[in-house]
């Protein structure tokens, strides 16, 4: 089991996945909160049954999968529904993250979580790495990648911890504004060596 856990976070469009994959190239185990969250509400899961009972069958697609777009729209427009969903899913996700981190065999483990700060997952990690980009970069990348409107991206950004709050929580800050892949690789390699030394203490 990896005794040392690094939490990697950043706003939408910050490049978390790219950077996490660069750590994986150093044989570091990744535990991805987004993947865990998707699996928790997979077809025929108990959590999906609860969602169907609460929101209605319209939120389940013909193939039995969750209609994520419809659910996202619902919780962005209704705080009570968002709270209900968070109360259902967050304990399940947290338990699964802990389970996966327990089985990690690398020198340290990387917990990749977009809402690391918002969901108080910082209590599970020894160190916080924030991927920092400007809002302009977030909007440009996300509209291009996800075909979202500028308004949709702004709403997502507004629902997450502010850039300042993320920076304040960071033990390490990696700026990913207009950075080449080669430069990112160098920065990740340097952080990797730093985390190896911390993990051995």
Protein backbone atom coordinates (compact mmCIF):
# COMPACT_ATOMS: atom_id res chain seq x y z
CA UNK A 1 0.00 0.00 0.00
CA UNK A 2 1.15 3.55 -0.80
CA UNK A 3 1.49 5.44 2.47
CA UNK A 4 1.95 8.80 0.74
CA UNK A 5 -1.00 10.24 -1.21
CA UNK A 6 -0.85 13.29 -3.49
CA UNK A 7 -4.16 14.92 -4.36
CA UNK A 8 -4.21 16.37 -7.88
CA UNK A 9 -6.92 18.92 -8.63
CA UNK A 10 -7.73 21.88 -10.83
CA UNK A 11 -10.66 23.54 -12.55
CA UNK A 12 -12.38 22.28 -15.68
CA UNK A 13 -10.08 22.45 -18.70
CA UNK A 14 -6.92 22.81 -16.60
CA UNK A 15 -5.27 19.69 -18.03
CA UNK A 16 -5.63 17.36 -15.03
CA UNK A 17 -5.93 14.21 -17.14
CA UNK A 18 -2.88 15.01 -19.27
CA UNK A 19 -0.76 15.70 -16.20
CA UNK A 20 -2.07 12.67 -14.29
CA UNK A 21 -1.14 10.47 -17.25
CA UNK A 22 2.39 11.91 -17.19
CA UNK A 23 2.69 10.76 -13.56
CA UNK A 24 1.40 7.34 -14.65
CA UNK A 25 4.35 7.14 -17.08
CA UNK A 26 6.53 7.11 -13.94
CA UNK A 27 4.61 3.99 -12.78
CA UNK A 28 2.56 5.90 -10.23
CA UNK A 29 -0.89 4.49 -9.43
CA UNK A 30 -3.76 6.83 -10.29
CA UNK A 31 -7.04 6.78 -8.40
CA UNK A 32 -9.51 8.82 -10.46
CA UNK A 33 -12.53 10.23 -8.63
CA UNK A 34 -14.41 10.82 -11.90
CA UNK A 35 -14.08 7.15 -12.90
CA UNK A 36 -15.16 6.03 -9.42
CA UNK A 37 -18.15 8.40 -9.56
CA UNK A 38 -19.20 6.99 -12.95
CA UNK A 39 -18.93 3.41 -11.70
CA UNK A 40 -20.99 4.19 -8.59
CA UNK A 41 -23.97 5.09 -10.82
CA UNK A 42 -23.40 2.38 -13.44
CA UNK A 43 -26.31 0.43 -14.91
CA UNK A 44 -28.17 -1.69 -12.29
CA UNK A 45 -26.23 -0.13 -9.39
CA UNK A 46 -28.03 0.59 -6.08
CA UNK A 47 -27.16 4.30 -6.40
CA UNK A 48 -28.77 4.49 -9.85
CA UNK A 49 -31.93 2.90 -8.46
CA UNK A 50 -32.07 5.61 -5.76
CA UNK A 51 -31.61 8.32 -8.40
CA UNK A 52 -34.41 6.85 -10.51
CA UNK A 53 -36.75 6.74 -7.51
CA UNK A 54 -35.95 10.33 -6.52
CA UNK A 55 -35.86 12.07 -9.90
CA UNK A 56 -38.01 9.75 -12.02
CA UNK A 57 -37.47 7.23 -14.80
CA UNK A 58 -36.85 10.02 -17.34
CA UNK A 59 -33.34 10.27 -15.90
CA UNK A 60 -32.55 6.71 -17.03
CA UNK A 61 -31.84 6.18 -20.72
CA UNK A 62 -33.34 3.37 -22.79
CA UNK A 63 -30.11 1.36 -22.39
CA UNK A 64 -30.39 1.53 -18.59
CA UNK A 65 -27.61 4.10 -18.19
CA UNK A 66 -27.91 7.38 -16.32
CA UNK A 67 -28.80 10.40 -18.46
CA UNK A 68 -25.91 12.52 -17.20
CA UNK A 69 -26.77 15.61 -19.23
CA UNK A 70 -30.32 15.70 -17.84
CA UNK A 71 -29.12 15.14 -14.27
CA UNK A 72 -26.44 17.83 -14.63
CA UNK A 73 -29.06 20.29 -15.87
CA UNK A 74 -31.36 19.40 -12.96
CA UNK A 75 -28.81 19.84 -10.18
CA UNK A 76 -27.39 23.05 -11.62
CA UNK A 77 -30.86 24.60 -11.42
CA UNK A 78 -31.96 23.14 -8.06
CA UNK A 79 -29.82 23.39 -4.92
CA UNK A 80 -32.00 20.96 -2.93
CA UNK A 81 -31.61 18.28 -5.60
CA UNK A 82 -27.87 18.92 -5.73
CA UNK A 83 -27.64 18.49 -1.95
CA UNK A 84 -29.68 15.27 -2.07
CA UNK A 85 -27.46 13.83 -4.81
CA UNK A 86 -24.26 14.82 -3.01
CA UNK A 87 -25.49 13.22 0.22
CA UNK A 88 -26.19 10.00 -1.67
CA UNK A 89 -23.02 9.79 -3.76
CA UNK A 90 -20.21 11.40 -1.78
CA UNK A 91 -19.99 8.78 1.02
CA UNK A 92 -20.06 5.98 -1.59
CA UNK A 93 -17.38 7.65 -3.71
CA UNK A 94 -15.20 8.42 -0.68
CA UNK A 95 -15.34 4.79 0.52
CA UNK A 96 -14.38 3.50 -2.93
CA UNK A 97 -11.50 5.98 -3.25
CA UNK A 98 -10.11 4.87 0.11
CA UNK A 99 -10.42 1.22 -0.94
CA UNK A 100 -8.52 1.82 -4.19
CA UNK A 101 -5.80 3.86 -2.49
CA UNK A 102 -5.29 1.05 0.02
CA UNK A 103 -4.42 -1.34 -2.81
CA UNK A 104 -1.99 1.03 -4.59
CA UNK A 105 1.49 -0.48 -4.82
CA UNK A 106 3.53 2.44 -6.19
CA UNK A 107 5.90 4.54 -4.06
CA UNK A 108 3.15 7.11 -3.72
CA UNK A 109 -0.37 7.33 -5.08
CA UNK A 110 -2.07 10.12 -7.04
CA UNK A 111 -5.70 10.88 -6.18
CA UNK A 112 -7.11 12.76 -9.18
CA UNK A 113 -10.20 14.69 -8.09
CA UNK A 114 -11.67 17.80 -9.76
CA UNK A 115 -13.58 18.55 -6.54
CA UNK A 116 -10.83 17.58 -4.10
CA UNK A 117 -11.27 20.82 -2.14
CA UNK A 118 -15.03 21.24 -2.53
CA UNK A 119 -15.76 17.68 -1.35
CA UNK A 120 -13.25 17.82 1.52
CA UNK A 121 -11.13 15.02 0.05
CA UNK A 122 -8.02 16.91 1.16
CA UNK A 123 -8.35 14.99 4.44
CA UNK A 124 -7.37 11.83 2.51
CA UNK A 125 -4.09 13.18 1.11
CA UNK A 126 -0.65 14.20 2.37
CA UNK A 127 -0.08 16.86 -0.26
CA UNK A 128 -2.17 18.91 -2.71
CA UNK A 129 -1.04 19.60 -6.28
CA UNK A 130 -3.17 22.23 -8.04
CA UNK A 131 -3.11 22.58 -11.83
CA UNK A 132 -3.56 26.29 -12.35
CA UNK A 133 -4.81 28.02 -15.51
CA UNK A 134 -6.60 31.27 -16.30
CA UNK A 135 -10.37 31.33 -16.79
CA UNK A 136 -9.77 32.34 -20.41
CA UNK A 137 -7.81 29.11 -20.96
CA UNK A 138 -10.51 27.06 -19.19
CA UNK A 139 -13.22 28.47 -21.45
CA UNK A 140 -11.19 28.08 -24.64
CA UNK A 141 -10.21 24.46 -23.94
CA UNK A 142 -13.58 23.30 -22.65
CA UNK A 143 -15.73 24.83 -25.40
CA UNK A 144 -13.41 23.24 -27.96
CA UNK A 145 -13.30 19.84 -26.23
CA UNK A 146 -16.88 19.35 -25.02
CA UNK A 147 -18.87 21.52 -27.44
CA UNK A 148 -20.24 23.43 -24.45
CA UNK A 149 -21.31 27.05 -24.77
CA UNK A 150 -19.29 29.77 -23.06
CA UNK A 151 -22.23 30.27 -20.66
CA UNK A 152 -22.25 26.57 -19.71
CA UNK A 153 -18.51 26.60 -19.02
CA UNK A 154 -18.80 29.79 -16.96
CA UNK A 155 -21.57 28.14 -14.89
CA UNK A 156 -19.36 25.10 -14.22
CA UNK A 157 -16.42 27.33 -13.24
CA UNK A 158 -18.70 29.32 -10.90
CA UNK A 159 -19.87 26.08 -9.22
CA UNK A 160 -16.29 25.06 -8.39
CA UNK A 161 -13.89 26.52 -5.84
CA UNK A 162 -12.40 29.76 -7.10
CA UNK A 163 -8.90 29.94 -8.53
CA UNK A 164 -7.77 31.82 -5.40
CA UNK A 165 -9.22 29.16 -3.06
CA UNK A 166 -7.48 26.40 -5.02
CA UNK A 167 -4.19 28.30 -4.93
CA UNK A 168 -4.54 28.78 -1.17
CA UNK A 169 -4.96 25.00 -0.68
CA UNK A 170 -1.99 24.11 -2.88
CA UNK A 171 1.23 22.67 -1.50
CA UNK A 172 2.44 22.62 -5.10
CA UNK A 173 1.16 24.77 -7.95
CA UNK A 174 1.71 23.80 -11.59
CA UNK A 175 0.84 26.50 -14.12
CA UNK A 176 -0.51 24.94 -17.32
CA UNK A 177 -1.26 28.08 -19.35
CA UNK A 178 0.27 27.74 -22.84
CA UNK A 179 2.84 25.18 -21.66
CA UNK A 180 4.31 22.72 -24.17
CA UNK A 181 3.99 18.99 -23.54
CA UNK A 182 7.78 18.70 -23.25
CA UNK A 183 7.85 21.39 -20.56
CA UNK A 184 5.01 19.65 -18.73
CA UNK A 185 6.93 16.38 -18.82
CA UNK A 186 9.95 18.11 -17.26
CA UNK A 187 7.83 19.72 -14.53
CA UNK A 188 6.10 16.42 -13.73
CA UNK A 189 9.45 14.60 -13.61
CA UNK A 190 10.72 17.18 -11.11
CA UNK A 191 7.59 16.88 -8.95
CA UNK A 192 7.80 13.09 -9.17
CA UNK A 193 11.31 13.12 -7.70
CA UNK A 194 10.15 15.51 -4.98
CA UNK A 195 7.23 13.23 -4.06
CA UNK A 196 9.48 10.17 -4.03
CA UNK A 197 11.75 11.87 -1.51
CA UNK A 198 8.78 12.93 0.65
CA UNK A 199 7.27 9.43 0.50
CA UNK A 200 10.49 7.92 1.85
CA UNK A 201 10.58 10.16 4.94
